[in-house]
N, C-alpha and C. Protein backbone atom coordinates (compact mmCIF):
# COMPACT_ATOMS: atom_id res chain seq x y z
N MET A 1 -3.59 -20.87 25.71
CA MET A 1 -4.95 -21.13 26.35
C MET A 1 -5.94 -20.14 25.80
N ILE A 2 -7.16 -20.61 25.55
CA ILE A 2 -8.18 -19.76 25.01
C ILE A 2 -9.40 -19.78 25.97
N GLN A 3 -9.79 -18.55 26.31
CA GLN A 3 -11.08 -18.45 27.04
C GLN A 3 -12.00 -17.66 26.20
N ALA A 4 -13.29 -18.10 26.16
CA ALA A 4 -14.24 -17.30 25.38
C ALA A 4 -15.53 -17.13 26.27
N GLU A 5 -16.01 -15.99 26.30
CA GLU A 5 -17.33 -15.75 26.99
C GLU A 5 -18.42 -15.80 25.94
N ILE A 6 -19.43 -16.69 26.17
CA ILE A 6 -20.48 -16.81 25.25
C ILE A 6 -21.79 -16.46 25.91
N SER A 7 -22.61 -15.71 25.29
CA SER A 7 -23.97 -15.42 25.70
C SER A 7 -24.92 -15.73 24.68
N ILE A 8 -25.93 -16.53 25.04
CA ILE A 8 -26.97 -17.05 24.12
C ILE A 8 -28.28 -16.32 24.41
N TYR A 9 -28.85 -15.78 23.34
CA TYR A 9 -30.15 -15.05 23.51
C TYR A 9 -31.18 -15.65 22.59
N PRO A 10 -32.07 -16.51 23.16
CA PRO A 10 -33.18 -17.01 22.36
C PRO A 10 -34.17 -15.84 22.03
N MET A 11 -34.53 -15.72 20.81
CA MET A 11 -35.50 -14.65 20.41
C MET A 11 -36.92 -15.20 20.28
N ALA A 12 -37.86 -14.34 20.65
CA ALA A 12 -39.30 -14.67 20.42
C ALA A 12 -39.80 -15.86 21.20
N THR A 13 -39.29 -16.00 22.47
CA THR A 13 -39.80 -17.07 23.36
C THR A 13 -41.15 -16.65 23.89
N ARG A 14 -41.92 -17.55 24.48
CA ARG A 14 -43.28 -17.27 25.01
C ARG A 14 -43.21 -16.29 26.20
N THR A 15 -42.11 -16.34 26.97
CA THR A 15 -41.95 -15.52 28.16
C THR A 15 -40.63 -14.74 28.06
N THR A 16 -40.42 -13.89 28.98
CA THR A 16 -39.11 -13.18 29.00
C THR A 16 -38.01 -13.91 29.63
N SER A 17 -38.32 -15.04 30.27
CA SER A 17 -37.25 -15.90 30.85
C SER A 17 -36.55 -16.76 29.75
N ALA A 18 -35.24 -16.81 29.84
CA ALA A 18 -34.43 -17.59 28.92
C ALA A 18 -33.74 -18.74 29.59
N SER A 19 -33.92 -18.91 30.90
CA SER A 19 -33.06 -19.89 31.64
C SER A 19 -33.20 -21.28 31.15
N PHE A 20 -34.38 -21.71 30.74
CA PHE A 20 -34.58 -23.03 30.29
C PHE A 20 -33.78 -23.36 29.07
N TYR A 21 -33.78 -22.45 28.05
CA TYR A 21 -33.00 -22.62 26.89
C TYR A 21 -31.43 -22.59 27.14
N ILE A 22 -31.07 -21.67 28.09
CA ILE A 22 -29.65 -21.54 28.38
C ILE A 22 -29.17 -22.82 29.09
N ALA A 23 -30.05 -23.28 30.02
CA ALA A 23 -29.65 -24.53 30.72
C ALA A 23 -29.48 -25.69 29.77
N LYS A 24 -30.37 -25.84 28.78
CA LYS A 24 -30.26 -26.90 27.81
C LYS A 24 -28.99 -26.66 26.92
N ALA A 25 -28.65 -25.45 26.58
CA ALA A 25 -27.49 -25.17 25.79
C ALA A 25 -26.23 -25.57 26.57
N ILE A 26 -26.14 -25.26 27.87
CA ILE A 26 -25.06 -25.62 28.62
C ILE A 26 -24.94 -27.11 28.76
N GLU A 27 -26.07 -27.82 29.04
CA GLU A 27 -26.02 -29.25 29.16
C GLU A 27 -25.45 -29.87 27.89
N SER A 28 -25.67 -29.31 26.78
CA SER A 28 -25.23 -29.93 25.50
C SER A 28 -23.73 -29.93 25.34
N ILE A 29 -23.01 -29.17 26.10
CA ILE A 29 -21.55 -29.11 25.90
C ILE A 29 -20.79 -29.94 27.00
N LYS A 30 -21.53 -30.46 28.00
CA LYS A 30 -20.91 -31.22 29.10
C LYS A 30 -19.94 -32.24 28.69
N LYS A 31 -20.16 -32.94 27.58
CA LYS A 31 -19.34 -34.10 27.25
C LYS A 31 -18.24 -33.76 26.15
N ILE A 32 -18.08 -32.49 25.88
CA ILE A 32 -17.10 -32.24 24.85
C ILE A 32 -15.68 -32.34 25.54
N ASP A 33 -14.84 -33.15 24.85
CA ASP A 33 -13.49 -33.31 25.36
C ASP A 33 -12.67 -32.04 25.25
N ASN A 34 -11.72 -31.80 26.16
CA ASN A 34 -10.84 -30.68 26.18
C ASN A 34 -11.65 -29.34 26.29
N LEU A 35 -12.64 -29.40 26.99
CA LEU A 35 -13.45 -28.12 27.25
C LEU A 35 -13.79 -28.05 28.72
N ARG A 36 -13.48 -26.87 29.26
CA ARG A 36 -13.98 -26.48 30.63
C ARG A 36 -14.91 -25.36 30.43
N TYR A 37 -15.85 -25.26 31.38
CA TYR A 37 -16.71 -24.05 31.34
C TYR A 37 -17.12 -23.65 32.71
N GLU A 38 -17.48 -22.40 32.83
CA GLU A 38 -18.05 -21.82 34.08
C GLU A 38 -19.13 -20.95 33.81
N ILE A 39 -20.23 -21.12 34.52
CA ILE A 39 -21.45 -20.33 34.30
C ILE A 39 -21.32 -19.12 35.14
N ASN A 40 -21.79 -17.95 34.60
CA ASN A 40 -22.00 -16.74 35.45
C ASN A 40 -23.34 -16.20 35.12
N ALA A 41 -23.62 -15.03 35.72
CA ALA A 41 -25.00 -14.52 35.57
C ALA A 41 -25.27 -13.89 34.18
N MET A 42 -24.24 -13.63 33.42
CA MET A 42 -24.42 -12.95 32.14
C MET A 42 -23.96 -13.80 30.99
N GLY A 43 -23.45 -14.97 31.24
CA GLY A 43 -23.00 -15.82 30.11
C GLY A 43 -22.26 -17.06 30.61
N THR A 44 -21.48 -17.71 29.76
CA THR A 44 -20.69 -18.88 30.12
C THR A 44 -19.29 -18.67 29.63
N ILE A 45 -18.30 -18.96 30.43
CA ILE A 45 -16.90 -18.90 30.06
C ILE A 45 -16.50 -20.32 29.56
N LEU A 46 -16.08 -20.44 28.32
CA LEU A 46 -15.52 -21.66 27.79
C LEU A 46 -13.98 -21.59 27.81
N GLU A 47 -13.37 -22.70 28.06
CA GLU A 47 -11.89 -22.74 28.08
C GLU A 47 -11.41 -24.01 27.44
N SER A 48 -10.41 -23.82 26.58
CA SER A 48 -9.77 -24.91 25.89
C SER A 48 -8.43 -24.45 25.34
N ASP A 49 -7.58 -25.34 24.98
CA ASP A 49 -6.34 -24.98 24.28
C ASP A 49 -6.51 -25.14 22.84
N ASN A 50 -7.72 -25.34 22.34
CA ASN A 50 -7.98 -25.61 20.93
C ASN A 50 -9.22 -24.79 20.51
N MET A 51 -9.04 -23.87 19.57
CA MET A 51 -10.09 -22.99 19.06
C MET A 51 -11.22 -23.80 18.39
N ASP A 52 -10.89 -24.89 17.80
CA ASP A 52 -11.94 -25.74 17.18
C ASP A 52 -12.87 -26.22 18.22
N VAL A 53 -12.40 -26.49 19.47
CA VAL A 53 -13.25 -26.97 20.56
C VAL A 53 -14.18 -25.80 20.93
N ILE A 54 -13.66 -24.63 21.07
CA ILE A 54 -14.48 -23.53 21.41
C ILE A 54 -15.60 -23.33 20.39
N ASN A 55 -15.22 -23.36 19.07
CA ASN A 55 -16.18 -23.20 18.02
C ASN A 55 -17.25 -24.32 18.02
N LEU A 56 -16.82 -25.55 18.29
CA LEU A 56 -17.75 -26.64 18.38
C LEU A 56 -18.77 -26.45 19.53
N ALA A 57 -18.34 -26.03 20.64
CA ALA A 57 -19.17 -25.74 21.85
C ALA A 57 -20.20 -24.63 21.46
N ALA A 58 -19.74 -23.51 20.86
CA ALA A 58 -20.58 -22.40 20.53
C ALA A 58 -21.64 -22.87 19.50
N LYS A 59 -21.22 -23.65 18.48
CA LYS A 59 -22.26 -24.14 17.54
C LYS A 59 -23.24 -25.10 18.18
N GLN A 60 -22.72 -25.95 19.06
CA GLN A 60 -23.64 -26.92 19.76
C GLN A 60 -24.63 -26.23 20.57
N MET A 61 -24.19 -25.17 21.29
CA MET A 61 -25.12 -24.45 22.15
C MET A 61 -26.20 -23.74 21.27
N MET A 62 -25.84 -23.12 20.26
CA MET A 62 -26.74 -22.46 19.34
C MET A 62 -27.69 -23.43 18.72
N GLU A 63 -27.24 -24.55 18.23
CA GLU A 63 -28.07 -25.52 17.58
C GLU A 63 -29.00 -26.16 18.54
N THR A 64 -28.63 -26.32 19.84
CA THR A 64 -29.56 -26.92 20.87
C THR A 64 -30.77 -26.01 21.05
N VAL A 65 -30.49 -24.71 21.14
CA VAL A 65 -31.61 -23.73 21.30
C VAL A 65 -32.53 -23.75 20.06
N HIS A 66 -31.91 -23.83 18.87
CA HIS A 66 -32.75 -23.94 17.65
C HIS A 66 -33.50 -25.22 17.65
N ASN A 67 -33.01 -26.28 18.05
CA ASN A 67 -33.72 -27.55 18.14
C ASN A 67 -34.78 -27.63 19.10
N LEU A 68 -34.85 -26.65 20.06
CA LEU A 68 -35.95 -26.51 21.03
C LEU A 68 -37.08 -25.70 20.47
N GLY A 69 -37.00 -25.41 19.23
CA GLY A 69 -38.11 -24.68 18.53
C GLY A 69 -37.89 -23.17 18.40
N ILE A 70 -36.79 -22.74 18.71
CA ILE A 70 -36.49 -21.28 18.65
C ILE A 70 -35.90 -20.95 17.24
N ALA A 71 -36.63 -20.18 16.44
CA ALA A 71 -36.18 -19.95 15.09
C ALA A 71 -35.04 -18.95 14.95
N ARG A 72 -34.87 -18.07 16.07
CA ARG A 72 -33.84 -17.05 15.96
C ARG A 72 -33.06 -17.08 17.24
N VAL A 73 -31.74 -17.11 17.14
CA VAL A 73 -30.91 -17.22 18.35
C VAL A 73 -29.81 -16.13 18.15
N GLU A 74 -29.64 -15.25 19.07
CA GLU A 74 -28.44 -14.30 19.00
C GLU A 74 -27.38 -14.90 19.93
N VAL A 75 -26.15 -14.92 19.39
CA VAL A 75 -24.98 -15.38 20.12
C VAL A 75 -23.91 -14.32 20.06
N ILE A 76 -23.45 -13.98 21.25
CA ILE A 76 -22.27 -13.07 21.38
C ILE A 76 -21.15 -13.81 22.02
N ILE A 77 -19.90 -13.71 21.28
CA ILE A 77 -18.74 -14.40 21.80
C ILE A 77 -17.62 -13.40 21.87
N LYS A 78 -16.98 -13.50 22.99
CA LYS A 78 -15.75 -12.65 23.19
C LYS A 78 -14.58 -13.59 23.50
N ILE A 79 -13.47 -13.52 22.79
CA ILE A 79 -12.40 -14.49 22.90
C ILE A 79 -11.16 -13.84 23.37
N ASP A 80 -10.46 -14.54 24.31
CA ASP A 80 -9.11 -14.19 24.77
C ASP A 80 -8.18 -15.38 24.47
N SER A 81 -7.28 -15.15 23.49
CA SER A 81 -6.32 -16.21 23.14
C SER A 81 -4.98 -15.76 23.58
N ARG A 82 -4.37 -16.60 24.31
CA ARG A 82 -3.03 -16.23 24.92
C ARG A 82 -2.03 -17.38 24.62
N ARG A 83 -0.91 -17.03 24.00
CA ARG A 83 0.07 -18.01 23.68
C ARG A 83 1.39 -17.93 24.55
N ASP A 84 1.60 -16.80 25.19
CA ASP A 84 2.81 -16.61 25.97
C ASP A 84 2.78 -17.39 27.28
N LYS A 85 1.62 -17.57 27.85
CA LYS A 85 1.46 -18.36 29.09
C LYS A 85 0.22 -19.21 29.02
N HIS A 86 0.22 -20.29 29.88
CA HIS A 86 -0.92 -21.20 29.97
C HIS A 86 -1.63 -20.78 31.30
N VAL A 87 -2.65 -19.93 31.14
CA VAL A 87 -3.30 -19.33 32.28
C VAL A 87 -4.75 -19.81 32.23
N LYS A 88 -5.16 -20.43 33.32
CA LYS A 88 -6.56 -20.96 33.44
C LYS A 88 -7.48 -19.86 34.03
N MET A 89 -8.73 -20.06 33.92
CA MET A 89 -9.76 -19.13 34.35
C MET A 89 -9.51 -18.70 35.79
N GLU A 90 -9.26 -19.71 36.70
CA GLU A 90 -9.08 -19.43 38.05
C GLU A 90 -7.90 -18.54 38.35
N GLU A 91 -6.83 -18.75 37.59
CA GLU A 91 -5.60 -18.03 37.76
C GLU A 91 -5.78 -16.55 37.37
N LYS A 92 -6.56 -16.29 36.32
CA LYS A 92 -6.90 -14.95 35.93
C LYS A 92 -7.64 -14.21 37.01
N LEU A 93 -8.57 -14.94 37.65
CA LEU A 93 -9.25 -14.27 38.76
C LEU A 93 -8.42 -13.99 39.96
N GLU A 94 -7.55 -14.94 40.31
CA GLU A 94 -6.59 -14.71 41.41
C GLU A 94 -5.69 -13.53 41.16
N SER A 95 -5.25 -13.41 39.94
CA SER A 95 -4.39 -12.25 39.61
C SER A 95 -5.12 -10.95 39.83
N ILE A 96 -6.38 -10.88 39.47
CA ILE A 96 -7.19 -9.64 39.71
C ILE A 96 -7.35 -9.35 41.22
N LYS A 97 -7.69 -10.44 41.88
CA LYS A 97 -7.93 -10.36 43.34
C LYS A 97 -6.66 -9.83 44.10
N LYS A 98 -5.49 -10.30 43.64
CA LYS A 98 -4.29 -9.90 44.29
C LYS A 98 -4.08 -8.33 44.15
N GLN A 99 -4.56 -7.77 43.04
CA GLN A 99 -4.41 -6.34 42.77
C GLN A 99 -5.39 -5.51 43.55
N MET A 100 -6.44 -6.12 44.13
CA MET A 100 -7.46 -5.41 44.85
C MET A 100 -7.04 -5.23 46.29
N SER A 101 -7.42 -4.15 46.92
CA SER A 101 -6.94 -3.93 48.33
C SER A 101 -8.06 -4.41 49.25
């Protein structure tokens, strides 16, 4: 299972708010097969058992922001690829919560 955290930063927008562009980027990946995602305050977690799907989603998100008229987009991706177990996002969180008192 592969989880990737992606953060999209549109550069040189008219305001300091990026939420419009990020919302459109996330909407653009809703129909990708074999992809789950979860939004958080600092980025979006992508999940798939196929790295090509993760790459497709990242590219689609970036291209969506470019297509909205943004000439420069910074993208940060952090990837966790695990082959010994099939662990979903929710299971990773539960494991952490069990360790907390």
